[in-house]
Amino acid sequence: MSSLRMLLELFMRFLKIGIIGFGGGWAILPIIEREIVEDAGWISKDEYLNLIAIAGSTPGPIAVNAATYIGFKMAGFIGAIVATVAVILPPFTVITTIVYFLSIYINNKIVQSVLNVLKAGVIGLITLALYTTFKEVYLKNMPISNLLPLAIITIYVIITIGILKIHPFLVILSLIPIGIALGLLGLI
């Protein structure tokens, strides 16, 4: 595929992700998976799971990080820029428009109903991303003996961030030596 054609395909796929990616964040993962893994075949399911780990633990929105990663993988630095701009363009345009009109119609009952339905849809997308990731990472690729340490790490993250209010960045950093230690001990 010529580089211009690849850049156009990157732009169109990530523009589509940006347009239909309501909820952003983790809710956009099933859309990225469908477009990039299943339809385009640019990365494998295993590489997608690695992408989730990398994009979710680096600064910035996960969709932007994923676009940058895939764009760079497929077409180098220019590909990273093209994919990133494409995924940012729709939400930028929509949010700018919404802010303008929402200030006028925020108390409208129909507007509130639409927002409530969208919130429920986003919760569904986040739940689907959690289920898919859990199933693929923990139930397919790991021995059952690894589930206990990983469950403890999950509880650790929930307690440190959710209850103790420790900054997520510090918690992510603290997981690095924990991962090294568990790997050296052969526990994961």
Protein backbone atom coordinates (compact mmCIF):
# COMPACT_ATOMS: atom_id res chain seq x y z
CA MET A 1 0.00 0.00 0.00
CA SER A 2 1.44 3.35 -0.95
CA SER A 3 2.30 5.71 1.86
CA LEU A 4 -0.28 8.28 0.72
CA ARG A 5 -2.95 5.60 0.62
CA MET A 6 -1.94 4.40 4.11
CA LEU A 7 -2.08 7.96 5.46
CA LEU A 8 -5.56 8.40 3.99
CA GLU A 9 -6.72 5.10 5.49
CA LEU A 10 -5.24 6.04 8.88
CA PHE A 11 -7.01 9.38 8.71
CA MET A 12 -10.37 7.88 7.74
CA ARG A 13 -10.31 5.06 10.32
CA PHE A 14 -9.30 7.33 13.18
CA LEU A 15 -11.72 10.03 12.06
CA LYS A 16 -14.45 7.35 12.24
CA ILE A 17 -13.25 6.32 15.71
CA GLY A 18 -13.33 9.97 16.77
CA ILE A 19 -16.85 10.43 15.38
CA ILE A 20 -18.46 7.31 16.89
CA GLY A 21 -16.31 7.14 20.02
CA PHE A 22 -18.88 8.52 22.46
CA GLY A 23 -17.67 8.32 26.02
CA GLY A 24 -14.01 8.52 25.13
CA GLY A 25 -11.56 7.01 27.57
CA TRP A 26 -11.99 3.31 28.16
CA ALA A 27 -15.40 3.34 26.48
CA ILE A 28 -13.74 3.83 23.09
CA LEU A 29 -11.71 0.60 23.31
CA PRO A 30 -14.28 -1.72 21.66
CA ILE A 31 -14.49 0.71 18.73
CA ILE A 32 -10.70 0.87 18.35
CA GLU A 33 -10.50 -2.93 18.56
CA ARG A 34 -13.11 -3.39 15.84
CA GLU A 35 -11.51 -0.84 13.48
CA ILE A 36 -7.83 -1.61 14.01
CA VAL A 37 -7.67 -5.31 14.96
CA GLU A 38 -10.73 -6.88 13.35
CA ASP A 39 -11.41 -4.75 10.26
CA ALA A 40 -7.98 -3.37 9.25
CA GLY A 41 -5.90 -6.20 10.72
CA TRP A 42 -3.08 -3.77 11.48
CA ILE A 43 -2.25 -5.39 14.82
CA SER A 44 -2.93 -8.74 16.45
CA LYS A 45 -5.19 -9.26 19.46
CA ASP A 46 -2.10 -9.70 21.66
CA GLU A 47 -0.55 -6.46 20.39
CA TYR A 48 -3.89 -4.73 20.99
CA LEU A 49 -3.82 -5.85 24.63
CA ASN A 50 -0.29 -4.46 24.91
CA LEU A 51 -1.52 -1.24 23.29
CA ILE A 52 -4.23 -0.95 25.96
CA ALA A 53 -1.61 -1.33 28.70
CA ILE A 54 0.72 1.24 27.11
CA ALA A 55 -1.97 3.76 26.10
CA GLY A 56 -3.71 3.44 29.45
CA SER A 57 -0.59 3.97 31.53
CA THR A 58 0.90 6.92 29.63
CA PRO A 59 -0.22 10.55 29.88
CA GLY A 60 -3.12 11.65 27.70
CA PRO A 61 -6.41 10.26 26.46
CA ILE A 62 -6.31 6.58 25.52
CA ALA A 63 -7.73 7.20 22.02
CA VAL A 64 -5.06 9.79 21.27
CA ASN A 65 -2.32 7.50 22.58
CA ALA A 66 -3.68 4.57 20.57
CA ALA A 67 -3.91 6.70 17.41
CA THR A 68 -0.35 7.90 17.86
CA TYR A 69 0.90 4.34 18.43
CA ILE A 70 -0.94 2.82 15.47
CA GLY A 71 -0.17 5.77 13.20
CA PHE A 72 3.53 5.51 13.97
CA LYS A 73 3.53 1.73 13.52
CA MET A 74 1.81 1.93 10.15
CA ALA A 75 3.36 5.07 8.62
CA GLY A 76 6.06 6.49 10.89
CA PHE A 77 6.06 9.98 12.38
CA ILE A 78 3.73 11.47 9.75
CA GLY A 79 1.32 8.57 10.30
CA ALA A 80 1.29 9.30 14.03
CA ILE A 81 0.41 12.94 13.36
CA VAL A 82 -2.29 12.07 10.80
CA ALA A 83 -3.99 9.46 13.03
CA THR A 84 -3.80 11.69 16.11
CA VAL A 85 -5.27 14.73 14.33
CA ALA A 86 -8.02 12.55 12.85
CA VAL A 87 -9.10 11.14 16.22
CA ILE A 88 -9.03 14.59 17.89
CA LEU A 89 -10.88 16.51 15.18
CA PRO A 90 -14.43 15.17 15.80
CA PRO A 91 -14.50 15.60 19.59
CA PHE A 92 -12.91 19.05 19.29
CA THR A 93 -15.59 20.12 16.81
CA VAL A 94 -18.44 18.52 18.76
CA ILE A 95 -17.35 19.85 22.17
CA THR A 96 -16.91 23.36 20.81
CA THR A 97 -20.44 23.25 19.37
CA ILE A 98 -21.95 21.61 22.48
CA VAL A 99 -20.44 24.17 24.84
CA TYR A 100 -22.02 26.92 22.81
CA PHE A 101 -25.51 25.37 22.72
CA LEU A 102 -25.43 23.69 26.13
CA SER A 103 -25.07 27.03 27.86
CA ILE A 104 -28.39 27.96 26.26
CA TYR A 105 -30.33 24.66 26.61
CA ILE A 106 -28.83 22.93 29.69
CA ASN A 107 -32.07 23.06 31.66
CA ASN A 108 -34.19 21.65 28.83
CA LYS A 109 -35.83 18.35 29.90
CA ILE A 110 -35.16 16.66 26.54
CA VAL A 111 -31.50 17.69 26.61
CA GLN A 112 -31.21 16.23 30.12
CA SER A 113 -32.87 12.99 28.96
CA VAL A 114 -30.47 12.65 26.04
CA LEU A 115 -27.48 13.24 28.35
CA ASN A 116 -28.74 10.59 30.79
CA VAL A 117 -29.17 8.03 28.01
CA LEU A 118 -25.67 8.79 26.69
CA LYS A 119 -24.25 8.28 30.20
CA ALA A 120 -25.88 4.84 30.37
CA GLY A 121 -24.47 3.96 26.95
CA VAL A 122 -20.99 5.01 28.03
CA ILE A 123 -21.23 2.82 31.14
CA GLY A 124 -22.14 -0.08 28.86
CA LEU A 125 -19.12 0.56 26.63
CA ILE A 126 -16.77 0.80 29.62
CA THR A 127 -18.19 -2.45 31.03
CA LEU A 128 -17.72 -4.18 27.67
CA ALA A 129 -14.09 -2.99 27.48
CA LEU A 130 -13.45 -4.26 31.02
CA TYR A 131 -15.06 -7.63 30.28
CA THR A 132 -13.22 -8.10 26.97
CA THR A 133 -9.85 -7.14 28.44
CA PHE A 134 -10.33 -9.36 31.50
CA LYS A 135 -11.40 -12.31 29.35
CA GLU A 136 -8.53 -11.94 26.88
CA VAL A 137 -5.76 -11.20 29.37
CA TYR A 138 -6.66 -13.21 32.44
CA LEU A 139 -8.74 -16.10 31.23
CA LYS A 140 -7.03 -16.95 27.93
CA ASN A 141 -3.36 -16.13 28.31
CA MET A 142 -2.55 -16.82 31.95
CA PRO A 143 -2.52 -19.84 34.19
CA ILE A 144 -5.16 -19.81 36.90
CA SER A 145 -2.40 -19.57 39.55
CA ASN A 146 -1.63 -16.02 38.34
CA LEU A 147 -5.14 -14.77 39.09
CA LEU A 148 -4.61 -14.34 42.86
CA PRO A 149 -1.62 -11.94 42.56
CA LEU A 150 -3.43 -10.02 39.82
CA ALA A 151 -6.63 -9.83 41.90
CA ILE A 152 -4.56 -8.47 44.81
CA ILE A 153 -3.01 -5.86 42.50
CA THR A 154 -6.48 -4.88 41.27
CA ILE A 155 -7.67 -4.44 44.87
CA TYR A 156 -4.48 -2.50 45.67
CA VAL A 157 -5.19 -0.07 42.79
CA ILE A 158 -8.83 0.37 43.83
CA ILE A 159 -7.88 1.05 47.47
CA THR A 160 -4.91 3.35 46.79
CA ILE A 161 -6.65 5.47 44.17
CA GLY A 162 -10.32 5.18 45.13
CA ILE A 163 -10.11 5.21 48.93
CA LEU A 164 -6.71 6.60 49.91
CA LYS A 165 -6.83 9.15 47.04
CA ILE A 166 -3.22 8.54 46.00
CA HIS A 167 -2.51 10.01 42.58
CA PRO A 168 -2.94 7.39 39.80
CA PHE A 169 0.49 8.23 38.37
CA LEU A 170 2.17 7.28 41.64
CA VAL A 171 0.16 4.07 41.84
CA ILE A 172 1.13 3.14 38.26
CA LEU A 173 4.79 3.85 39.11
CA SER A 174 4.53 1.66 42.21
CA LEU A 175 3.29 -1.21 40.03
CA ILE A 176 6.57 -1.36 38.09
CA PRO A 177 8.70 -2.77 40.95
CA ILE A 178 5.78 -4.96 42.01
CA GLY A 179 5.60 -6.39 38.48
CA ILE A 180 9.37 -6.94 38.41
CA ALA A 181 9.28 -8.69 41.80
CA LEU A 182 6.32 -10.91 40.87
CA GLY A 183 8.01 -11.76 37.56
CA LEU A 184 11.30 -12.68 39.26
CA LEU A 185 9.41 -14.82 41.77
CA GLY A 186 7.56 -16.53 38.92
CA LEU A 187 4.16 -15.49 40.27
CA ILE A 188 2.97 -13.90 36.98
